[in-house]
C-alpha cells in the first residue's frame, strides 16, 4: 500500500562520505546528519506519517515556489498539512545531493489528488531541522 522509495540509502551516504574532507571531520558528520534529516522526511512522506513529517521542520520553517514569497508560521503549517500530508504527497525515485546544509531532492512528486510533476526541491537544514523548502 505504501510507496517504495527508489533510492539506495547506502549510495546517499557514500556520496556524502565522498566529500573532499576527512571522513571523521565535523563537516562530514554535519553532511551525514543533513542527509539523514531529509531522507527521514522523504521516507515519512512515502508512509504518510504526519507526525514524522512535521517533526523534521523547525518552528521557523518556510516554504516557497521558486522566487515567490515565503510561507512561514501558520501559513507554512497549513501548506504542509494541505499540500503534503492531506494530499499524501511523496517523492518517487528520490535522489539526494548534499552540499553543506543544502539538500537538493529530485525524482517524481505525486499526490493522491492525481497531481504529478518532476520534483526539484531545495531543503536547507539548520540545527537538525529543515528551515526552508523551496520548490524549484
N, C-alpha and C. Protein backbone atom coordinates (compact mmCIF):
# COMPACT_ATOMS: atom_id res chain seq x y z
N UNK A 1 0.81 -1.19 0.00
CA UNK A 1 0.00 0.00 0.00
C UNK A 1 0.86 1.27 0.00
N UNK A 2 1.94 1.32 0.84
CA UNK A 2 2.83 2.48 0.85
C UNK A 2 3.73 2.48 -0.36
N UNK A 3 4.28 3.61 -0.65
CA UNK A 3 5.17 3.75 -1.79
C UNK A 3 6.58 3.34 -1.39
N UNK A 4 7.26 2.63 -2.25
CA UNK A 4 8.64 2.26 -2.04
C UNK A 4 9.52 3.36 -2.58
N UNK A 5 10.45 3.84 -1.78
CA UNK A 5 11.36 4.87 -2.22
C UNK A 5 12.45 4.20 -3.04
N UNK A 6 12.65 4.68 -4.25
CA UNK A 6 13.57 4.07 -5.19
C UNK A 6 14.96 4.70 -5.13
N UNK A 7 15.59 4.64 -4.00
CA UNK A 7 16.98 5.06 -3.92
C UNK A 7 17.66 4.16 -2.92
N UNK A 8 18.94 4.12 -3.02
CA UNK A 8 19.76 3.29 -2.16
C UNK A 8 20.33 4.18 -1.07
N UNK A 9 19.86 4.03 0.15
CA UNK A 9 20.30 4.87 1.26
C UNK A 9 21.82 4.82 1.38
N UNK A 10 22.40 3.65 1.15
CA UNK A 10 23.85 3.49 1.22
C UNK A 10 24.52 4.40 0.20
N UNK A 11 23.94 4.51 -0.99
CA UNK A 11 24.52 5.36 -2.03
C UNK A 11 24.48 6.83 -1.61
N UNK A 12 23.41 7.24 -0.94
CA UNK A 12 23.33 8.62 -0.46
C UNK A 12 24.46 8.87 0.53
N UNK A 13 24.64 7.96 1.47
CA UNK A 13 25.69 8.15 2.46
C UNK A 13 27.07 8.04 1.85
N UNK A 14 27.25 7.18 0.86
CA UNK A 14 28.54 7.09 0.18
C UNK A 14 28.83 8.41 -0.53
N UNK A 15 27.82 8.97 -1.18
CA UNK A 15 28.01 10.25 -1.85
C UNK A 15 28.40 11.34 -0.87
N UNK A 16 27.80 11.34 0.31
CA UNK A 16 28.16 12.31 1.34
C UNK A 16 29.57 12.05 1.82
N UNK A 17 29.91 10.77 2.02
CA UNK A 17 31.24 10.43 2.51
C UNK A 17 32.32 10.75 1.49
N UNK A 18 31.96 10.89 0.22
CA UNK A 18 32.94 11.17 -0.82
C UNK A 18 33.34 12.63 -0.88
N UNK A 19 32.79 13.45 0.00
CA UNK A 19 33.18 14.85 0.02
C UNK A 19 34.68 14.95 0.25
N UNK A 20 35.34 15.97 -0.32
CA UNK A 20 36.80 16.07 -0.21
C UNK A 20 37.26 16.55 1.16
N UNK A 21 36.89 15.80 2.19
CA UNK A 21 37.27 16.11 3.57
C UNK A 21 37.51 14.81 4.29
N UNK A 22 38.11 14.91 5.42
CA UNK A 22 38.33 13.72 6.23
C UNK A 22 36.99 13.14 6.65
N UNK A 23 36.81 11.82 6.53
CA UNK A 23 35.53 11.23 6.90
C UNK A 23 35.23 11.35 8.39
N UNK A 24 36.22 11.78 9.17
CA UNK A 24 36.00 11.92 10.62
C UNK A 24 35.82 13.37 11.03
N UNK A 25 35.76 14.27 10.06
CA UNK A 25 35.65 15.69 10.38
C UNK A 25 34.22 16.05 10.75
N UNK A 26 34.09 17.19 11.39
CA UNK A 26 32.76 17.69 11.78
C UNK A 26 31.93 18.00 10.54
N UNK A 27 32.57 18.45 9.45
CA UNK A 27 31.84 18.76 8.22
C UNK A 27 31.20 17.51 7.65
N UNK A 28 31.93 16.39 7.64
CA UNK A 28 31.37 15.13 7.14
C UNK A 28 30.22 14.68 8.01
N UNK A 29 30.36 14.82 9.32
CA UNK A 29 29.27 14.44 10.22
C UNK A 29 28.04 15.31 9.99
N UNK A 30 28.26 16.62 9.79
CA UNK A 30 27.14 17.52 9.52
C UNK A 30 26.43 17.15 8.22
N UNK A 31 27.19 16.81 7.18
CA UNK A 31 26.59 16.42 5.90
C UNK A 31 25.79 15.14 6.04
N UNK A 32 26.30 14.19 6.80
CA UNK A 32 25.55 12.94 7.02
C UNK A 32 24.26 13.22 7.79
N UNK A 33 24.34 14.08 8.80
CA UNK A 33 23.15 14.44 9.57
C UNK A 33 22.13 15.15 8.69
N UNK A 34 22.60 16.08 7.86
CA UNK A 34 21.72 16.80 6.95
C UNK A 34 21.03 15.83 6.00
N UNK A 35 21.79 14.89 5.43
CA UNK A 35 21.21 13.89 4.53
C UNK A 35 20.19 13.03 5.27
N UNK A 36 20.51 12.65 6.50
CA UNK A 36 19.61 11.79 7.28
C UNK A 36 18.27 12.50 7.55
N UNK A 37 18.31 13.77 7.85
CA UNK A 37 17.08 14.51 8.15
C UNK A 37 16.18 14.56 6.92
N UNK A 38 16.74 14.88 5.77
CA UNK A 38 15.93 14.96 4.54
C UNK A 38 15.49 13.56 4.11
N UNK A 39 16.35 12.56 4.27
CA UNK A 39 15.96 11.18 3.96
C UNK A 39 14.79 10.75 4.84
N UNK A 40 14.83 11.13 6.10
CA UNK A 40 13.72 10.81 7.01
C UNK A 40 12.43 11.47 6.53
N UNK A 41 12.52 12.71 6.06
CA UNK A 41 11.33 13.38 5.52
C UNK A 41 10.78 12.62 4.32
N UNK A 42 11.64 12.25 3.37
CA UNK A 42 11.19 11.55 2.16
C UNK A 42 10.54 10.22 2.53
N UNK A 43 11.12 9.50 3.48
CA UNK A 43 10.55 8.23 3.93
C UNK A 43 9.22 8.45 4.64
N UNK A 44 9.14 9.50 5.47
CA UNK A 44 7.89 9.81 6.18
C UNK A 44 6.78 10.19 5.19
N UNK A 45 7.14 10.91 4.14
CA UNK A 45 6.16 11.25 3.10
C UNK A 45 5.65 9.99 2.42
N UNK A 46 6.55 9.04 2.13
CA UNK A 46 6.15 7.79 1.47
C UNK A 46 5.18 7.01 2.34
N UNK A 47 5.35 7.11 3.64
CA UNK A 47 4.47 6.40 4.58
C UNK A 47 3.28 7.25 5.02
N UNK A 48 3.25 8.51 4.59
CA UNK A 48 2.26 9.50 5.01
C UNK A 48 2.16 9.56 6.53
N UNK A 49 3.31 9.62 7.17
CA UNK A 49 3.41 9.71 8.63
C UNK A 49 3.43 11.19 9.01
N UNK A 50 2.26 11.74 9.28
CA UNK A 50 2.11 13.17 9.53
C UNK A 50 2.99 13.66 10.67
N UNK A 51 3.06 12.92 11.75
CA UNK A 51 3.87 13.36 12.89
C UNK A 51 5.35 13.39 12.54
N UNK A 52 5.83 12.37 11.84
CA UNK A 52 7.24 12.32 11.47
C UNK A 52 7.57 13.38 10.42
N UNK A 53 6.64 13.63 9.51
CA UNK A 53 6.85 14.71 8.52
C UNK A 53 7.02 16.03 9.26
N UNK A 54 6.07 16.37 10.11
CA UNK A 54 6.10 17.64 10.83
C UNK A 54 7.34 17.76 11.72
N UNK A 55 7.79 16.66 12.28
CA UNK A 55 8.94 16.67 13.20
C UNK A 55 10.25 17.04 12.52
N UNK A 56 10.32 16.96 11.20
CA UNK A 56 11.56 17.28 10.50
C UNK A 56 11.76 18.79 10.32
N UNK A 57 10.74 19.58 10.63
CA UNK A 57 10.78 21.01 10.38
C UNK A 57 10.96 21.81 11.65
N UNK A 58 11.77 22.84 11.54
CA UNK A 58 11.98 23.79 12.62
C UNK A 58 10.71 24.64 12.78
N UNK A 59 10.52 25.20 13.94
CA UNK A 59 9.33 26.03 14.18
C UNK A 59 9.33 27.29 13.30
N UNK A 60 10.49 27.69 12.81
CA UNK A 60 10.57 28.87 11.94
C UNK A 60 10.68 28.50 10.47
N UNK A 61 10.33 27.27 10.11
CA UNK A 61 10.45 26.78 8.73
C UNK A 61 9.60 27.62 7.77
N UNK A 62 10.07 27.64 6.52
CA UNK A 62 9.35 28.36 5.47
C UNK A 62 9.31 27.52 4.21
N UNK A 63 8.41 27.90 3.30
CA UNK A 63 8.26 27.22 2.01
C UNK A 63 7.97 28.27 0.97
N UNK A 64 8.51 28.04 -0.24
CA UNK A 64 8.24 28.95 -1.36
C UNK A 64 8.29 28.17 -2.65
N UNK A 65 7.58 28.70 -3.64
CA UNK A 65 7.67 28.20 -5.01
C UNK A 65 8.61 29.14 -5.75
N UNK A 66 9.77 28.63 -6.17
CA UNK A 66 10.74 29.45 -6.88
C UNK A 66 11.12 30.68 -6.09
N UNK A 67 11.05 31.83 -6.76
CA UNK A 67 11.40 33.10 -6.13
C UNK A 67 10.19 33.75 -5.45
N UNK A 68 9.08 33.02 -5.35
CA UNK A 68 7.86 33.57 -4.75
C UNK A 68 8.02 33.85 -3.27
N UNK A 69 6.98 34.41 -2.70
CA UNK A 69 7.03 34.77 -1.29
C UNK A 69 7.06 33.52 -0.41
N UNK A 70 7.69 33.68 0.73
CA UNK A 70 7.86 32.59 1.69
C UNK A 70 6.62 32.46 2.58
N UNK A 71 6.17 31.22 2.74
CA UNK A 71 5.12 30.93 3.72
C UNK A 71 5.85 30.61 5.03
N UNK A 72 5.45 31.21 6.10
CA UNK A 72 6.06 30.98 7.41
C UNK A 72 4.97 30.79 8.46
N UNK A 73 5.36 30.26 9.59
CA UNK A 73 4.44 30.14 10.72
C UNK A 73 3.20 29.33 10.37
N UNK A 74 2.03 29.88 10.68
CA UNK A 74 0.77 29.19 10.43
C UNK A 74 0.54 28.92 8.95
N UNK A 75 0.99 29.83 8.08
CA UNK A 75 0.82 29.63 6.63
C UNK A 75 1.66 28.44 6.17
N UNK A 76 2.87 28.29 6.71
CA UNK A 76 3.69 27.13 6.36
C UNK A 76 3.03 25.85 6.85
N UNK A 77 2.60 25.83 8.10
CA UNK A 77 1.98 24.61 8.65
C UNK A 77 0.70 24.24 7.90
N UNK A 78 -0.08 25.23 7.48
CA UNK A 78 -1.30 24.96 6.70
C UNK A 78 -0.93 24.37 5.34
N UNK A 79 0.11 24.91 4.69
CA UNK A 79 0.57 24.37 3.41
C UNK A 79 1.05 22.94 3.57
N UNK A 80 1.86 22.68 4.58
CA UNK A 80 2.38 21.34 4.82
C UNK A 80 1.23 20.35 5.03
N UNK A 81 0.23 20.77 5.80
CA UNK A 81 -0.91 19.90 6.07
C UNK A 81 -1.72 19.63 4.80
N UNK A 82 -2.05 20.68 4.05
CA UNK A 82 -2.93 20.50 2.89
C UNK A 82 -2.22 19.92 1.68
N UNK A 83 -1.03 20.43 1.37
CA UNK A 83 -0.37 20.06 0.12
C UNK A 83 0.50 18.81 0.23
N UNK A 84 0.92 18.47 1.43
CA UNK A 84 1.79 17.31 1.60
C UNK A 84 1.07 16.21 2.38
N UNK A 85 0.63 16.49 3.59
CA UNK A 85 0.06 15.44 4.44
C UNK A 85 -1.32 15.00 3.95
N UNK A 86 -2.27 15.93 3.85
CA UNK A 86 -3.62 15.56 3.42
C UNK A 86 -3.65 15.00 2.00
N UNK A 87 -2.80 15.54 1.12
CA UNK A 87 -2.76 15.10 -0.27
C UNK A 87 -1.90 13.84 -0.45
N UNK A 88 -1.27 13.39 0.63
CA UNK A 88 -0.37 12.22 0.60
C UNK A 88 0.72 12.41 -0.46
N UNK A 89 1.34 13.61 -0.41
CA UNK A 89 2.43 13.93 -1.31
C UNK A 89 3.67 13.10 -1.01
N UNK A 90 4.35 12.70 -2.07
CA UNK A 90 5.54 11.85 -1.90
C UNK A 90 6.46 12.06 -3.09
N UNK A 91 7.73 11.69 -2.91
CA UNK A 91 8.70 11.76 -3.99
C UNK A 91 9.11 10.34 -4.34
N UNK A 92 8.83 9.96 -5.57
CA UNK A 92 9.22 8.63 -6.04
C UNK A 92 10.57 8.74 -6.74
N UNK A 93 11.35 7.67 -6.67
CA UNK A 93 12.68 7.63 -7.28
C UNK A 93 13.54 8.81 -6.82
N UNK A 94 13.48 9.09 -5.53
CA UNK A 94 14.19 10.24 -4.97
C UNK A 94 15.70 10.08 -5.07
N UNK A 95 16.33 11.16 -5.47
CA UNK A 95 17.79 11.24 -5.47
C UNK A 95 18.16 12.49 -4.68
N UNK A 96 19.13 12.33 -3.78
CA UNK A 96 19.56 13.43 -2.94
C UNK A 96 20.97 13.86 -3.31
N UNK A 97 21.19 15.17 -3.29
CA UNK A 97 22.51 15.75 -3.48
C UNK A 97 22.74 16.71 -2.32
N UNK A 98 23.80 16.46 -1.56
CA UNK A 98 24.06 17.24 -0.34
C UNK A 98 25.28 18.12 -0.53
N UNK A 99 25.13 19.39 -0.18
CA UNK A 99 26.27 20.30 -0.17
C UNK A 99 26.11 21.20 1.05
N UNK A 100 26.87 20.90 2.07
CA UNK A 100 26.76 21.66 3.31
C UNK A 100 25.40 21.46 3.95
N UNK A 101 24.70 22.56 4.20
CA UNK A 101 23.37 22.50 4.82
C UNK A 101 22.26 22.37 3.79
N UNK A 102 22.62 22.37 2.51
CA UNK A 102 21.64 22.33 1.42
C UNK A 102 21.51 20.92 0.87
N UNK A 103 20.27 20.52 0.65
CA UNK A 103 19.99 19.21 0.04
C UNK A 103 19.02 19.44 -1.11
N UNK A 104 19.40 18.96 -2.28
CA UNK A 104 18.51 19.01 -3.44
C UNK A 104 17.93 17.60 -3.60
N UNK A 105 16.62 17.53 -3.71
CA UNK A 105 15.93 16.26 -3.93
C UNK A 105 15.26 16.33 -5.30
N UNK A 106 15.57 15.35 -6.13
CA UNK A 106 14.91 15.23 -7.42
C UNK A 106 14.24 13.87 -7.49
N UNK A 107 13.36 13.72 -8.42
CA UNK A 107 12.60 12.49 -8.60
C UNK A 107 11.26 12.85 -9.20
N UNK A 108 10.24 12.13 -8.80
CA UNK A 108 8.88 12.39 -9.29
C UNK A 108 7.97 12.64 -8.10
N UNK A 109 7.37 13.83 -8.02
CA UNK A 109 6.43 14.13 -6.96
C UNK A 109 5.04 13.70 -7.41
N UNK A 110 4.35 13.01 -6.52
CA UNK A 110 2.96 12.61 -6.77
C UNK A 110 2.15 12.82 -5.50
N UNK A 111 0.85 13.02 -5.71
CA UNK A 111 -0.04 13.01 -4.56
C UNK A 111 -1.32 12.25 -4.92
N UNK A 112 -2.15 12.02 -3.93
CA UNK A 112 -3.37 11.25 -4.15
C UNK A 112 -4.49 12.06 -4.79
N UNK A 113 -4.24 13.32 -5.12
CA UNK A 113 -5.23 14.13 -5.83
C UNK A 113 -5.02 14.05 -7.34
N UNK A 114 -4.11 13.16 -7.77
CA UNK A 114 -3.84 12.99 -9.19
C UNK A 114 -2.76 13.90 -9.74
N UNK A 115 -2.13 14.70 -8.89
CA UNK A 115 -1.09 15.60 -9.35
C UNK A 115 0.24 14.86 -9.42
N UNK A 116 1.01 15.13 -10.47
CA UNK A 116 2.32 14.53 -10.67
C UNK A 116 3.21 15.50 -11.43
N UNK A 117 4.45 15.65 -11.00
CA UNK A 117 5.40 16.50 -11.71
C UNK A 117 6.82 16.12 -11.31
N UNK A 118 7.77 16.58 -12.12
CA UNK A 118 9.16 16.37 -11.73
C UNK A 118 9.41 17.09 -10.41
N UNK A 119 10.13 16.44 -9.53
CA UNK A 119 10.48 17.05 -8.25
C UNK A 119 11.85 17.70 -8.38
N UNK A 120 11.95 18.91 -7.89
CA UNK A 120 13.23 19.61 -7.78
C UNK A 120 13.09 20.50 -6.55
N UNK A 121 13.43 19.92 -5.40
CA UNK A 121 13.24 20.60 -4.13
C UNK A 121 14.59 20.93 -3.51
N UNK A 122 14.69 22.12 -2.96
CA UNK A 122 15.87 22.53 -2.22
C UNK A 122 15.47 22.66 -0.75
N UNK A 123 16.16 21.91 0.10
CA UNK A 123 15.95 21.98 1.54
C UNK A 123 17.18 22.58 2.19
N UNK A 124 16.97 23.45 3.16
CA UNK A 124 18.06 23.99 3.97
C UNK A 124 17.84 23.47 5.39
N UNK A 125 18.90 22.90 5.96
CA UNK A 125 18.84 22.30 7.29
C UNK A 125 19.73 23.09 8.24
N UNK A 126 19.19 23.40 9.40
CA UNK A 126 19.95 24.05 10.47
C UNK A 126 19.56 23.41 11.78
N UNK A 127 20.55 23.14 12.62
CA UNK A 127 20.30 22.60 13.96
C UNK A 127 19.40 21.37 13.91
N UNK A 128 19.68 20.48 12.98
CA UNK A 128 18.99 19.19 12.85
C UNK A 128 17.51 19.29 12.49
N UNK A 129 17.10 20.38 11.87
CA UNK A 129 15.72 20.53 11.40
C UNK A 129 15.74 21.29 10.07
N UNK A 130 14.74 21.03 9.25
CA UNK A 130 14.60 21.74 7.98
C UNK A 130 14.04 23.13 8.28
N UNK A 131 14.71 24.16 7.76
CA UNK A 131 14.24 25.52 7.97
C UNK A 131 13.68 26.15 6.71
N UNK A 132 13.96 25.51 5.56
CA UNK A 132 13.45 26.07 4.30
C UNK A 132 13.23 24.97 3.29
N UNK A 133 12.10 25.04 2.58
CA UNK A 133 11.77 24.13 1.48
C UNK A 133 11.40 25.00 0.29
N UNK A 134 12.22 24.95 -0.74
CA UNK A 134 11.94 25.69 -1.96
C UNK A 134 11.63 24.71 -3.07
N UNK A 135 10.48 24.89 -3.69
CA UNK A 135 10.09 24.10 -4.85
C UNK A 135 10.62 24.86 -6.06
N UNK A 136 11.62 24.26 -6.73
CA UNK A 136 12.29 24.98 -7.83
C UNK A 136 11.73 24.60 -9.18
